[in-house]
N, C-alpha and C. Protein backbone atom coordinates (compact mmCIF):
# COMPACT_ATOMS: atom_id res chain seq x y z
N UNK A 1 1.72 -35.74 8.24
CA UNK A 1 2.00 -37.16 8.33
C UNK A 1 0.69 -37.89 8.54
N UNK A 2 0.47 -38.98 7.78
CA UNK A 2 -0.77 -39.72 7.92
C UNK A 2 -0.50 -41.22 7.84
N UNK A 3 -1.13 -41.96 8.74
CA UNK A 3 -1.11 -43.41 8.70
C UNK A 3 -2.53 -43.92 8.66
N UNK A 4 -2.77 -44.96 7.86
CA UNK A 4 -4.13 -45.47 7.67
C UNK A 4 -4.09 -47.00 7.65
N UNK A 5 -5.09 -47.61 8.30
CA UNK A 5 -5.20 -49.06 8.29
C UNK A 5 -6.63 -49.48 7.99
N UNK A 6 -6.77 -50.54 7.18
CA UNK A 6 -8.08 -51.08 6.82
C UNK A 6 -8.05 -52.59 7.07
N UNK A 7 -9.05 -53.11 7.77
CA UNK A 7 -9.15 -54.54 8.07
C UNK A 7 -10.48 -55.06 7.53
N UNK A 8 -10.45 -55.85 6.43
CA UNK A 8 -11.70 -56.40 5.87
C UNK A 8 -12.40 -57.33 6.86
N UNK A 9 -13.74 -57.29 6.85
CA UNK A 9 -14.53 -58.14 7.74
C UNK A 9 -15.14 -59.33 7.01
N UNK A 10 -15.22 -59.28 5.67
CA UNK A 10 -15.76 -60.40 4.91
C UNK A 10 -14.81 -60.74 3.75
N UNK A 11 -15.03 -61.90 3.14
CA UNK A 11 -14.13 -62.38 2.08
C UNK A 11 -14.18 -61.49 0.84
N UNK A 12 -15.32 -60.88 0.55
CA UNK A 12 -15.44 -60.03 -0.62
C UNK A 12 -14.87 -58.63 -0.40
N UNK A 13 -14.62 -58.26 0.83
CA UNK A 13 -14.08 -56.94 1.16
C UNK A 13 -15.10 -55.82 1.07
N UNK A 14 -16.39 -56.16 1.17
CA UNK A 14 -17.42 -55.12 1.12
C UNK A 14 -17.48 -54.32 2.41
N UNK A 15 -17.28 -54.96 3.54
CA UNK A 15 -17.28 -54.28 4.84
C UNK A 15 -15.90 -54.38 5.46
N UNK A 16 -15.43 -53.26 6.03
CA UNK A 16 -14.12 -53.22 6.67
C UNK A 16 -14.15 -52.28 7.86
N UNK A 17 -13.24 -52.52 8.78
CA UNK A 17 -12.95 -51.55 9.84
C UNK A 17 -11.82 -50.67 9.34
N UNK A 18 -11.91 -49.40 9.63
CA UNK A 18 -10.90 -48.46 9.15
C UNK A 18 -10.48 -47.54 10.29
N UNK A 19 -9.23 -47.17 10.28
CA UNK A 19 -8.71 -46.22 11.25
C UNK A 19 -7.54 -45.46 10.66
N UNK A 20 -7.43 -44.20 11.03
CA UNK A 20 -6.28 -43.43 10.58
C UNK A 20 -5.92 -42.36 11.59
N UNK A 21 -4.68 -41.93 11.50
CA UNK A 21 -4.15 -40.87 12.35
C UNK A 21 -3.41 -39.89 11.47
N UNK A 22 -3.70 -38.61 11.64
CA UNK A 22 -3.10 -37.56 10.81
C UNK A 22 -2.52 -36.49 11.74
N UNK A 23 -1.24 -36.20 11.59
CA UNK A 23 -0.55 -35.23 12.44
C UNK A 23 -0.09 -34.05 11.58
N UNK A 24 -0.41 -32.84 12.03
CA UNK A 24 0.03 -31.62 11.36
C UNK A 24 1.09 -30.94 12.22
N UNK A 25 2.23 -30.63 11.63
CA UNK A 25 3.33 -30.01 12.34
C UNK A 25 3.70 -28.71 11.63
N UNK A 26 3.82 -27.63 12.40
CA UNK A 26 4.27 -26.35 11.86
C UNK A 26 5.79 -26.29 12.00
N UNK A 27 6.47 -26.01 10.89
CA UNK A 27 7.93 -26.06 10.89
C UNK A 27 8.59 -24.75 11.30
N UNK A 28 7.88 -23.63 11.26
CA UNK A 28 8.48 -22.36 11.65
C UNK A 28 7.46 -21.49 12.38
N UNK A 29 7.95 -20.48 13.11
CA UNK A 29 7.08 -19.52 13.79
C UNK A 29 6.65 -18.45 12.80
N UNK A 30 5.43 -17.96 12.96
CA UNK A 30 4.96 -16.83 12.17
C UNK A 30 4.46 -15.75 13.12
N UNK A 31 4.47 -14.51 12.66
CA UNK A 31 4.12 -13.38 13.52
C UNK A 31 2.68 -13.47 14.04
N UNK A 32 1.73 -13.79 13.18
CA UNK A 32 0.33 -13.84 13.59
C UNK A 32 -0.29 -15.21 13.30
N UNK A 33 0.52 -16.24 13.26
CA UNK A 33 0.04 -17.57 12.95
C UNK A 33 0.37 -18.57 14.04
N UNK A 34 0.36 -19.84 13.69
CA UNK A 34 0.63 -20.88 14.70
C UNK A 34 2.08 -20.91 15.14
N UNK A 35 2.30 -21.43 16.35
CA UNK A 35 3.64 -21.60 16.86
C UNK A 35 4.29 -22.81 16.20
N UNK A 36 5.60 -22.87 16.29
CA UNK A 36 6.34 -24.01 15.76
C UNK A 36 6.04 -25.24 16.60
N UNK A 37 5.88 -26.39 15.93
CA UNK A 37 5.64 -27.65 16.63
C UNK A 37 4.30 -28.26 16.24
N UNK A 38 3.73 -29.07 17.13
CA UNK A 38 2.47 -29.76 16.88
C UNK A 38 1.34 -28.76 16.71
N UNK A 39 0.62 -28.85 15.60
CA UNK A 39 -0.50 -27.96 15.33
C UNK A 39 -1.83 -28.67 15.53
N UNK A 40 -1.99 -29.86 14.93
CA UNK A 40 -3.22 -30.64 15.05
C UNK A 40 -2.90 -32.13 15.02
N UNK A 41 -3.80 -32.90 15.63
CA UNK A 41 -3.75 -34.36 15.51
C UNK A 41 -5.19 -34.83 15.32
N UNK A 42 -5.44 -35.56 14.24
CA UNK A 42 -6.77 -36.08 13.96
C UNK A 42 -6.72 -37.61 13.98
N UNK A 43 -7.64 -38.22 14.73
CA UNK A 43 -7.72 -39.68 14.83
C UNK A 43 -9.14 -40.09 14.43
N UNK A 44 -9.24 -41.07 13.52
CA UNK A 44 -10.53 -41.52 13.02
C UNK A 44 -10.65 -43.03 13.19
N UNK A 45 -11.83 -43.49 13.61
CA UNK A 45 -12.14 -44.92 13.68
C UNK A 45 -13.57 -45.11 13.19
N UNK A 46 -13.76 -46.11 12.34
CA UNK A 46 -15.10 -46.33 11.82
C UNK A 46 -15.21 -47.56 10.95
N UNK A 47 -16.28 -47.58 10.14
CA UNK A 47 -16.57 -48.68 9.24
C UNK A 47 -16.52 -48.17 7.81
N UNK A 48 -16.12 -49.06 6.91
CA UNK A 48 -16.03 -48.75 5.48
C UNK A 48 -16.92 -49.73 4.73
N UNK A 49 -17.78 -49.20 3.85
CA UNK A 49 -18.60 -50.02 2.96
C UNK A 49 -18.11 -49.76 1.54
N UNK A 50 -17.55 -50.77 0.91
CA UNK A 50 -17.01 -50.65 -0.44
C UNK A 50 -18.10 -51.04 -1.43
N UNK A 51 -18.51 -50.10 -2.31
CA UNK A 51 -19.55 -50.37 -3.30
C UNK A 51 -18.97 -50.87 -4.62
N UNK A 52 -17.79 -50.39 -4.97
CA UNK A 52 -17.08 -50.86 -6.16
C UNK A 52 -15.59 -50.61 -5.91
N UNK A 53 -14.76 -50.89 -6.89
CA UNK A 53 -13.32 -50.65 -6.70
C UNK A 53 -13.00 -49.16 -6.61
N UNK A 54 -13.90 -48.31 -7.11
CA UNK A 54 -13.65 -46.87 -7.10
C UNK A 54 -14.49 -46.10 -6.08
N UNK A 55 -15.53 -46.73 -5.50
CA UNK A 55 -16.45 -45.99 -4.62
C UNK A 55 -16.61 -46.74 -3.29
N UNK A 56 -16.38 -46.00 -2.21
CA UNK A 56 -16.57 -46.52 -0.86
C UNK A 56 -17.10 -45.42 0.05
N UNK A 57 -17.73 -45.80 1.14
CA UNK A 57 -18.27 -44.84 2.10
C UNK A 57 -17.76 -45.19 3.48
N UNK A 58 -17.16 -44.20 4.15
CA UNK A 58 -16.68 -44.37 5.52
C UNK A 58 -17.57 -43.59 6.47
N UNK A 59 -17.91 -44.19 7.59
CA UNK A 59 -18.66 -43.52 8.65
C UNK A 59 -18.01 -43.90 9.97
N UNK A 60 -17.88 -42.91 10.85
CA UNK A 60 -17.26 -43.20 12.14
C UNK A 60 -17.10 -41.95 12.97
N UNK A 61 -16.12 -41.97 13.84
CA UNK A 61 -15.87 -40.88 14.78
C UNK A 61 -14.51 -40.27 14.50
N UNK A 62 -14.48 -38.94 14.41
CA UNK A 62 -13.24 -38.20 14.20
C UNK A 62 -12.96 -37.37 15.44
N UNK A 63 -11.81 -37.62 16.07
CA UNK A 63 -11.37 -36.85 17.24
C UNK A 63 -10.27 -35.93 16.80
N UNK A 64 -10.38 -34.64 17.14
CA UNK A 64 -9.41 -33.63 16.72
C UNK A 64 -8.81 -32.96 17.95
N UNK A 65 -7.48 -32.92 18.02
CA UNK A 65 -6.76 -32.19 19.06
C UNK A 65 -6.07 -31.02 18.38
N UNK A 66 -6.35 -29.82 18.83
CA UNK A 66 -5.66 -28.64 18.29
C UNK A 66 -4.96 -27.92 19.43
N UNK A 67 -3.84 -27.29 19.10
CA UNK A 67 -3.12 -26.49 20.09
C UNK A 67 -3.40 -25.03 19.82
N UNK A 68 -3.59 -24.28 20.87
CA UNK A 68 -3.88 -22.85 20.74
C UNK A 68 -2.88 -22.07 21.59
N UNK A 69 -2.36 -20.98 21.03
CA UNK A 69 -1.40 -20.18 21.80
C UNK A 69 -2.05 -19.47 22.98
């Protein structure tokens, strides 16, 4: 599951604030793998520089929470 938000800072949309949250869920138990339930959560916050309609660069901080058995 992933949610993403972008907030432009100028009228041309060249600079924006960006943030997203990505959740990984394991649906079943495996013998030598992850347990059922929350596996990872990734949260990102940063800035986006849009160079064209097809090319942009994001820089920021990525926080990762992982569960370990």
